[in-house]
Amino acid sequence: MGIFDYFKSKNAPSSASVAKDRLQIIVAHERSKRHQPDYLPQMQQEIIDVIRKYVQIGSEDVQIQLDNTDDCSVLELNVTLPEQS
């Protein structure tokens, strides 16, 4: 046993395994985005333009997500509207 082995924790995961886990999460997230249609960003911008005719909102206030299952597609639209004073 070397002197540096004394300072190593037996229960702590190695930095390599932590990095590997983080990379797997990033890859899975990017793969899920790859299967989304190309028209979603354009649709999001068009929705923002329509809403801006009535209420002042930012681009970050509209989120669009498309979830596909075997026989069904669900388009989820979340709009954060400003509070009325």
N, C-alpha and C. Protein backbone atom coordinates (compact mmCIF):
# COMPACT_ATOMS: atom_id res chain seq x y z
N MET A 1 0.85 -1.17 0.00
CA MET A 1 0.00 0.00 0.00
C MET A 1 0.89 1.23 0.00
N GLY A 2 0.64 2.12 -0.98
CA GLY A 2 1.41 3.34 -1.07
C GLY A 2 0.85 4.41 -0.18
N ILE A 3 1.59 5.47 -0.02
CA ILE A 3 1.16 6.55 0.85
C ILE A 3 -0.08 7.26 0.31
N PHE A 4 -0.22 7.33 -1.03
CA PHE A 4 -1.38 8.01 -1.61
C PHE A 4 -2.63 7.15 -1.53
N ASP A 5 -2.49 5.85 -1.42
CA ASP A 5 -3.65 4.98 -1.27
C ASP A 5 -4.37 5.25 0.04
N TYR A 6 -3.69 5.76 1.00
CA TYR A 6 -4.27 6.08 2.28
C TYR A 6 -5.33 7.18 2.16
N PHE A 7 -5.10 8.14 1.21
CA PHE A 7 -6.00 9.28 1.07
C PHE A 7 -7.19 9.00 0.14
N LYS A 8 -7.12 7.95 -0.62
CA LYS A 8 -8.21 7.62 -1.55
C LYS A 8 -9.40 7.05 -0.79
N SER A 9 -10.57 7.50 -1.17
CA SER A 9 -11.79 6.98 -0.55
C SER A 9 -12.20 5.71 -1.28
N LYS A 10 -12.57 4.71 -0.54
CA LYS A 10 -12.96 3.43 -1.14
C LYS A 10 -14.35 3.50 -1.75
N ASN A 11 -15.22 4.38 -1.27
CA ASN A 11 -16.60 4.44 -1.71
C ASN A 11 -16.85 5.46 -2.82
N ALA A 12 -15.94 6.39 -3.01
CA ALA A 12 -16.15 7.44 -3.99
C ALA A 12 -15.93 6.90 -5.40
N PRO A 13 -16.85 7.22 -6.34
CA PRO A 13 -16.66 6.77 -7.72
C PRO A 13 -15.50 7.53 -8.36
N SER A 14 -14.86 6.89 -9.30
CA SER A 14 -13.73 7.54 -9.96
C SER A 14 -14.25 8.65 -10.87
N SER A 15 -13.40 9.60 -11.16
CA SER A 15 -13.81 10.70 -12.02
C SER A 15 -14.12 10.20 -13.43
N ALA A 16 -13.47 9.13 -13.84
CA ALA A 16 -13.74 8.55 -15.16
C ALA A 16 -15.16 7.99 -15.24
N SER A 17 -15.60 7.31 -14.19
CA SER A 17 -16.96 6.75 -14.21
C SER A 17 -18.01 7.85 -14.14
N VAL A 18 -17.73 8.91 -13.39
CA VAL A 18 -18.65 10.04 -13.33
C VAL A 18 -18.74 10.71 -14.70
N ALA A 19 -17.60 10.91 -15.35
CA ALA A 19 -17.59 11.52 -16.68
C ALA A 19 -18.33 10.64 -17.68
N LYS A 20 -18.16 9.34 -17.58
CA LYS A 20 -18.85 8.41 -18.48
C LYS A 20 -20.36 8.51 -18.28
N ASP A 21 -20.83 8.56 -17.05
CA ASP A 21 -22.25 8.68 -16.77
C ASP A 21 -22.81 9.99 -17.32
N ARG A 22 -22.08 11.06 -17.14
CA ARG A 22 -22.54 12.36 -17.65
C ARG A 22 -22.60 12.36 -19.17
N LEU A 23 -21.61 11.76 -19.81
CA LEU A 23 -21.59 11.68 -21.27
C LEU A 23 -22.77 10.86 -21.79
N GLN A 24 -23.13 9.79 -21.11
CA GLN A 24 -24.26 8.98 -21.52
C GLN A 24 -25.56 9.78 -21.43
N ILE A 25 -25.70 10.61 -20.43
CA ILE A 25 -26.90 11.45 -20.29
C ILE A 25 -26.96 12.46 -21.43
N ILE A 26 -25.83 13.07 -21.75
CA ILE A 26 -25.79 14.06 -22.84
C ILE A 26 -26.13 13.41 -24.17
N VAL A 27 -25.56 12.24 -24.44
CA VAL A 27 -25.82 11.54 -25.70
C VAL A 27 -27.30 11.15 -25.80
N ALA A 28 -27.88 10.67 -24.73
CA ALA A 28 -29.30 10.31 -24.75
C ALA A 28 -30.17 11.54 -25.01
N HIS A 29 -29.81 12.67 -24.41
CA HIS A 29 -30.57 13.90 -24.62
C HIS A 29 -30.48 14.35 -26.08
N GLU A 30 -29.29 14.31 -26.65
CA GLU A 30 -29.10 14.71 -28.04
C GLU A 30 -29.83 13.77 -29.00
N ARG A 31 -29.84 12.49 -28.70
CA ARG A 31 -30.56 11.53 -29.55
C ARG A 31 -32.06 11.81 -29.54
N SER A 32 -32.59 12.19 -28.39
CA SER A 32 -34.03 12.48 -28.32
C SER A 32 -34.38 13.71 -29.15
N LYS A 33 -33.48 14.68 -29.21
CA LYS A 33 -33.72 15.87 -30.00
C LYS A 33 -33.60 15.59 -31.49
N ARG A 34 -32.82 14.59 -31.87
CA ARG A 34 -32.58 14.28 -33.27
C ARG A 34 -33.85 13.78 -33.96
N HIS A 35 -34.74 13.16 -33.22
CA HIS A 35 -35.94 12.58 -33.80
C HIS A 35 -37.08 13.58 -33.92
N GLN A 36 -36.86 14.82 -33.56
CA GLN A 36 -37.89 15.83 -33.68
C GLN A 36 -37.91 16.36 -35.12
N PRO A 37 -39.09 16.70 -35.62
CA PRO A 37 -39.19 17.23 -36.99
C PRO A 37 -38.48 18.57 -37.12
N ASP A 38 -38.07 18.88 -38.35
CA ASP A 38 -37.34 20.12 -38.61
C ASP A 38 -38.24 21.35 -38.53
N TYR A 39 -39.55 21.16 -38.63
CA TYR A 39 -40.45 22.30 -38.66
C TYR A 39 -40.76 22.86 -37.27
N LEU A 40 -40.35 22.19 -36.21
CA LEU A 40 -40.69 22.68 -34.86
C LEU A 40 -40.11 24.06 -34.56
N PRO A 41 -38.85 24.37 -34.87
CA PRO A 41 -38.37 25.73 -34.58
C PRO A 41 -39.14 26.81 -35.35
N GLN A 42 -39.49 26.53 -36.62
CA GLN A 42 -40.26 27.49 -37.40
C GLN A 42 -41.66 27.64 -36.81
N MET A 43 -42.27 26.53 -36.41
CA MET A 43 -43.60 26.59 -35.80
C MET A 43 -43.55 27.39 -34.51
N GLN A 44 -42.51 27.20 -33.71
CA GLN A 44 -42.37 27.94 -32.46
C GLN A 44 -42.28 29.44 -32.74
N GLN A 45 -41.51 29.83 -33.76
CA GLN A 45 -41.38 31.25 -34.08
C GLN A 45 -42.70 31.84 -34.57
N GLU A 46 -43.44 31.09 -35.36
CA GLU A 46 -44.73 31.56 -35.84
C GLU A 46 -45.72 31.73 -34.68
N ILE A 47 -45.71 30.81 -33.74
CA ILE A 47 -46.59 30.92 -32.57
C ILE A 47 -46.21 32.14 -31.74
N ILE A 48 -44.92 32.37 -31.56
CA ILE A 48 -44.46 33.56 -30.83
C ILE A 48 -44.94 34.82 -31.52
N ASP A 49 -44.84 34.87 -32.85
CA ASP A 49 -45.27 36.06 -33.60
C ASP A 49 -46.76 36.32 -33.42
N VAL A 50 -47.57 35.26 -33.43
CA VAL A 50 -49.01 35.43 -33.25
C VAL A 50 -49.33 35.92 -31.84
N ILE A 51 -48.70 35.32 -30.83
CA ILE A 51 -48.96 35.72 -29.45
C ILE A 51 -48.52 37.16 -29.21
N ARG A 52 -47.43 37.58 -29.86
CA ARG A 52 -46.92 38.95 -29.67
C ARG A 52 -47.88 40.01 -30.20
N LYS A 53 -48.81 39.62 -31.04
CA LYS A 53 -49.81 40.59 -31.50
C LYS A 53 -50.69 41.04 -30.35
N TYR A 54 -50.81 40.20 -29.32
CA TYR A 54 -51.71 40.47 -28.21
C TYR A 54 -51.00 40.71 -26.88
N VAL A 55 -49.86 40.02 -26.67
CA VAL A 55 -49.14 40.10 -25.39
C VAL A 55 -47.65 40.15 -25.69
N GLN A 56 -46.92 40.97 -24.94
CA GLN A 56 -45.47 41.05 -25.11
C GLN A 56 -44.81 39.89 -24.37
N ILE A 57 -44.19 38.96 -25.13
CA ILE A 57 -43.48 37.83 -24.55
C ILE A 57 -42.12 37.70 -25.23
N GLY A 58 -41.22 36.98 -24.58
CA GLY A 58 -39.92 36.71 -25.14
C GLY A 58 -39.88 35.34 -25.81
N SER A 59 -38.87 35.10 -26.59
CA SER A 59 -38.74 33.81 -27.28
C SER A 59 -38.58 32.66 -26.30
N GLU A 60 -38.00 32.93 -25.15
CA GLU A 60 -37.79 31.87 -24.16
C GLU A 60 -39.07 31.52 -23.40
N ASP A 61 -40.14 32.30 -23.64
CA ASP A 61 -41.41 32.06 -22.94
C ASP A 61 -42.27 31.00 -23.61
N VAL A 62 -41.85 30.49 -24.76
CA VAL A 62 -42.62 29.47 -25.47
C VAL A 62 -41.73 28.24 -25.65
N GLN A 63 -42.22 27.10 -25.17
CA GLN A 63 -41.52 25.83 -25.35
C GLN A 63 -42.45 24.87 -26.08
N ILE A 64 -41.91 24.20 -27.10
CA ILE A 64 -42.66 23.21 -27.85
C ILE A 64 -41.92 21.89 -27.74
N GLN A 65 -42.68 20.82 -27.48
CA GLN A 65 -42.09 19.50 -27.37
C GLN A 65 -43.00 18.52 -28.09
N LEU A 66 -42.41 17.63 -28.87
CA LEU A 66 -43.16 16.61 -29.58
C LEU A 66 -42.78 15.25 -29.01
N ASP A 67 -43.77 14.52 -28.50
CA ASP A 67 -43.55 13.18 -27.95
C ASP A 67 -44.21 12.17 -28.88
N ASN A 68 -43.43 11.22 -29.34
CA ASN A 68 -43.95 10.17 -30.22
C ASN A 68 -43.99 8.85 -29.49
N THR A 69 -45.12 8.16 -29.61
CA THR A 69 -45.24 6.79 -29.13
C THR A 69 -45.52 5.93 -30.36
N ASP A 70 -45.84 4.69 -30.15
CA ASP A 70 -46.03 3.78 -31.28
C ASP A 70 -47.13 4.25 -32.23
N ASP A 71 -48.27 4.64 -31.69
CA ASP A 71 -49.40 4.98 -32.54
C ASP A 71 -49.94 6.39 -32.32
N CYS A 72 -49.19 7.22 -31.61
CA CYS A 72 -49.71 8.54 -31.26
C CYS A 72 -48.55 9.54 -31.15
N SER A 73 -48.82 10.77 -31.63
CA SER A 73 -47.87 11.87 -31.45
C SER A 73 -48.56 12.96 -30.65
N VAL A 74 -47.86 13.50 -29.66
CA VAL A 74 -48.42 14.55 -28.82
C VAL A 74 -47.53 15.78 -28.93
N LEU A 75 -48.14 16.88 -29.34
CA LEU A 75 -47.45 18.15 -29.43
C LEU A 75 -47.80 18.96 -28.19
N GLU A 76 -46.79 19.25 -27.37
CA GLU A 76 -47.01 19.99 -26.12
C GLU A 76 -46.49 21.41 -26.30
N LEU A 77 -47.34 22.36 -25.98
CA LEU A 77 -46.99 23.76 -26.12
C LEU A 77 -47.15 24.43 -24.76
N ASN A 78 -46.08 25.02 -24.26
CA ASN A 78 -46.11 25.73 -22.97
C ASN A 78 -45.76 27.19 -23.22
N VAL A 79 -46.68 28.06 -22.86
CA VAL A 79 -46.48 29.51 -23.02
C VAL A 79 -46.54 30.15 -21.64
N THR A 80 -45.50 30.88 -21.28
CA THR A 80 -45.48 31.61 -20.02
C THR A 80 -45.88 33.05 -20.31
N LEU A 81 -47.06 33.41 -19.83
CA LEU A 81 -47.57 34.76 -20.06
C LEU A 81 -47.18 35.67 -18.91
N PRO A 82 -46.93 36.93 -19.20
CA PRO A 82 -46.60 37.87 -18.11
C PRO A 82 -47.82 38.14 -17.25
N GLU A 83 -47.59 38.50 -16.01
CA GLU A 83 -48.69 38.83 -15.10
C GLU A 83 -49.28 40.17 -15.48
N GLN A 84 -50.59 40.25 -15.42
CA GLN A 84 -51.29 41.51 -15.72
C GLN A 84 -51.26 42.39 -14.47
N SER A 85 -50.92 43.65 -14.64
CA SER A 85 -50.92 44.55 -13.48
C SER A 85 -52.10 45.46 -13.48
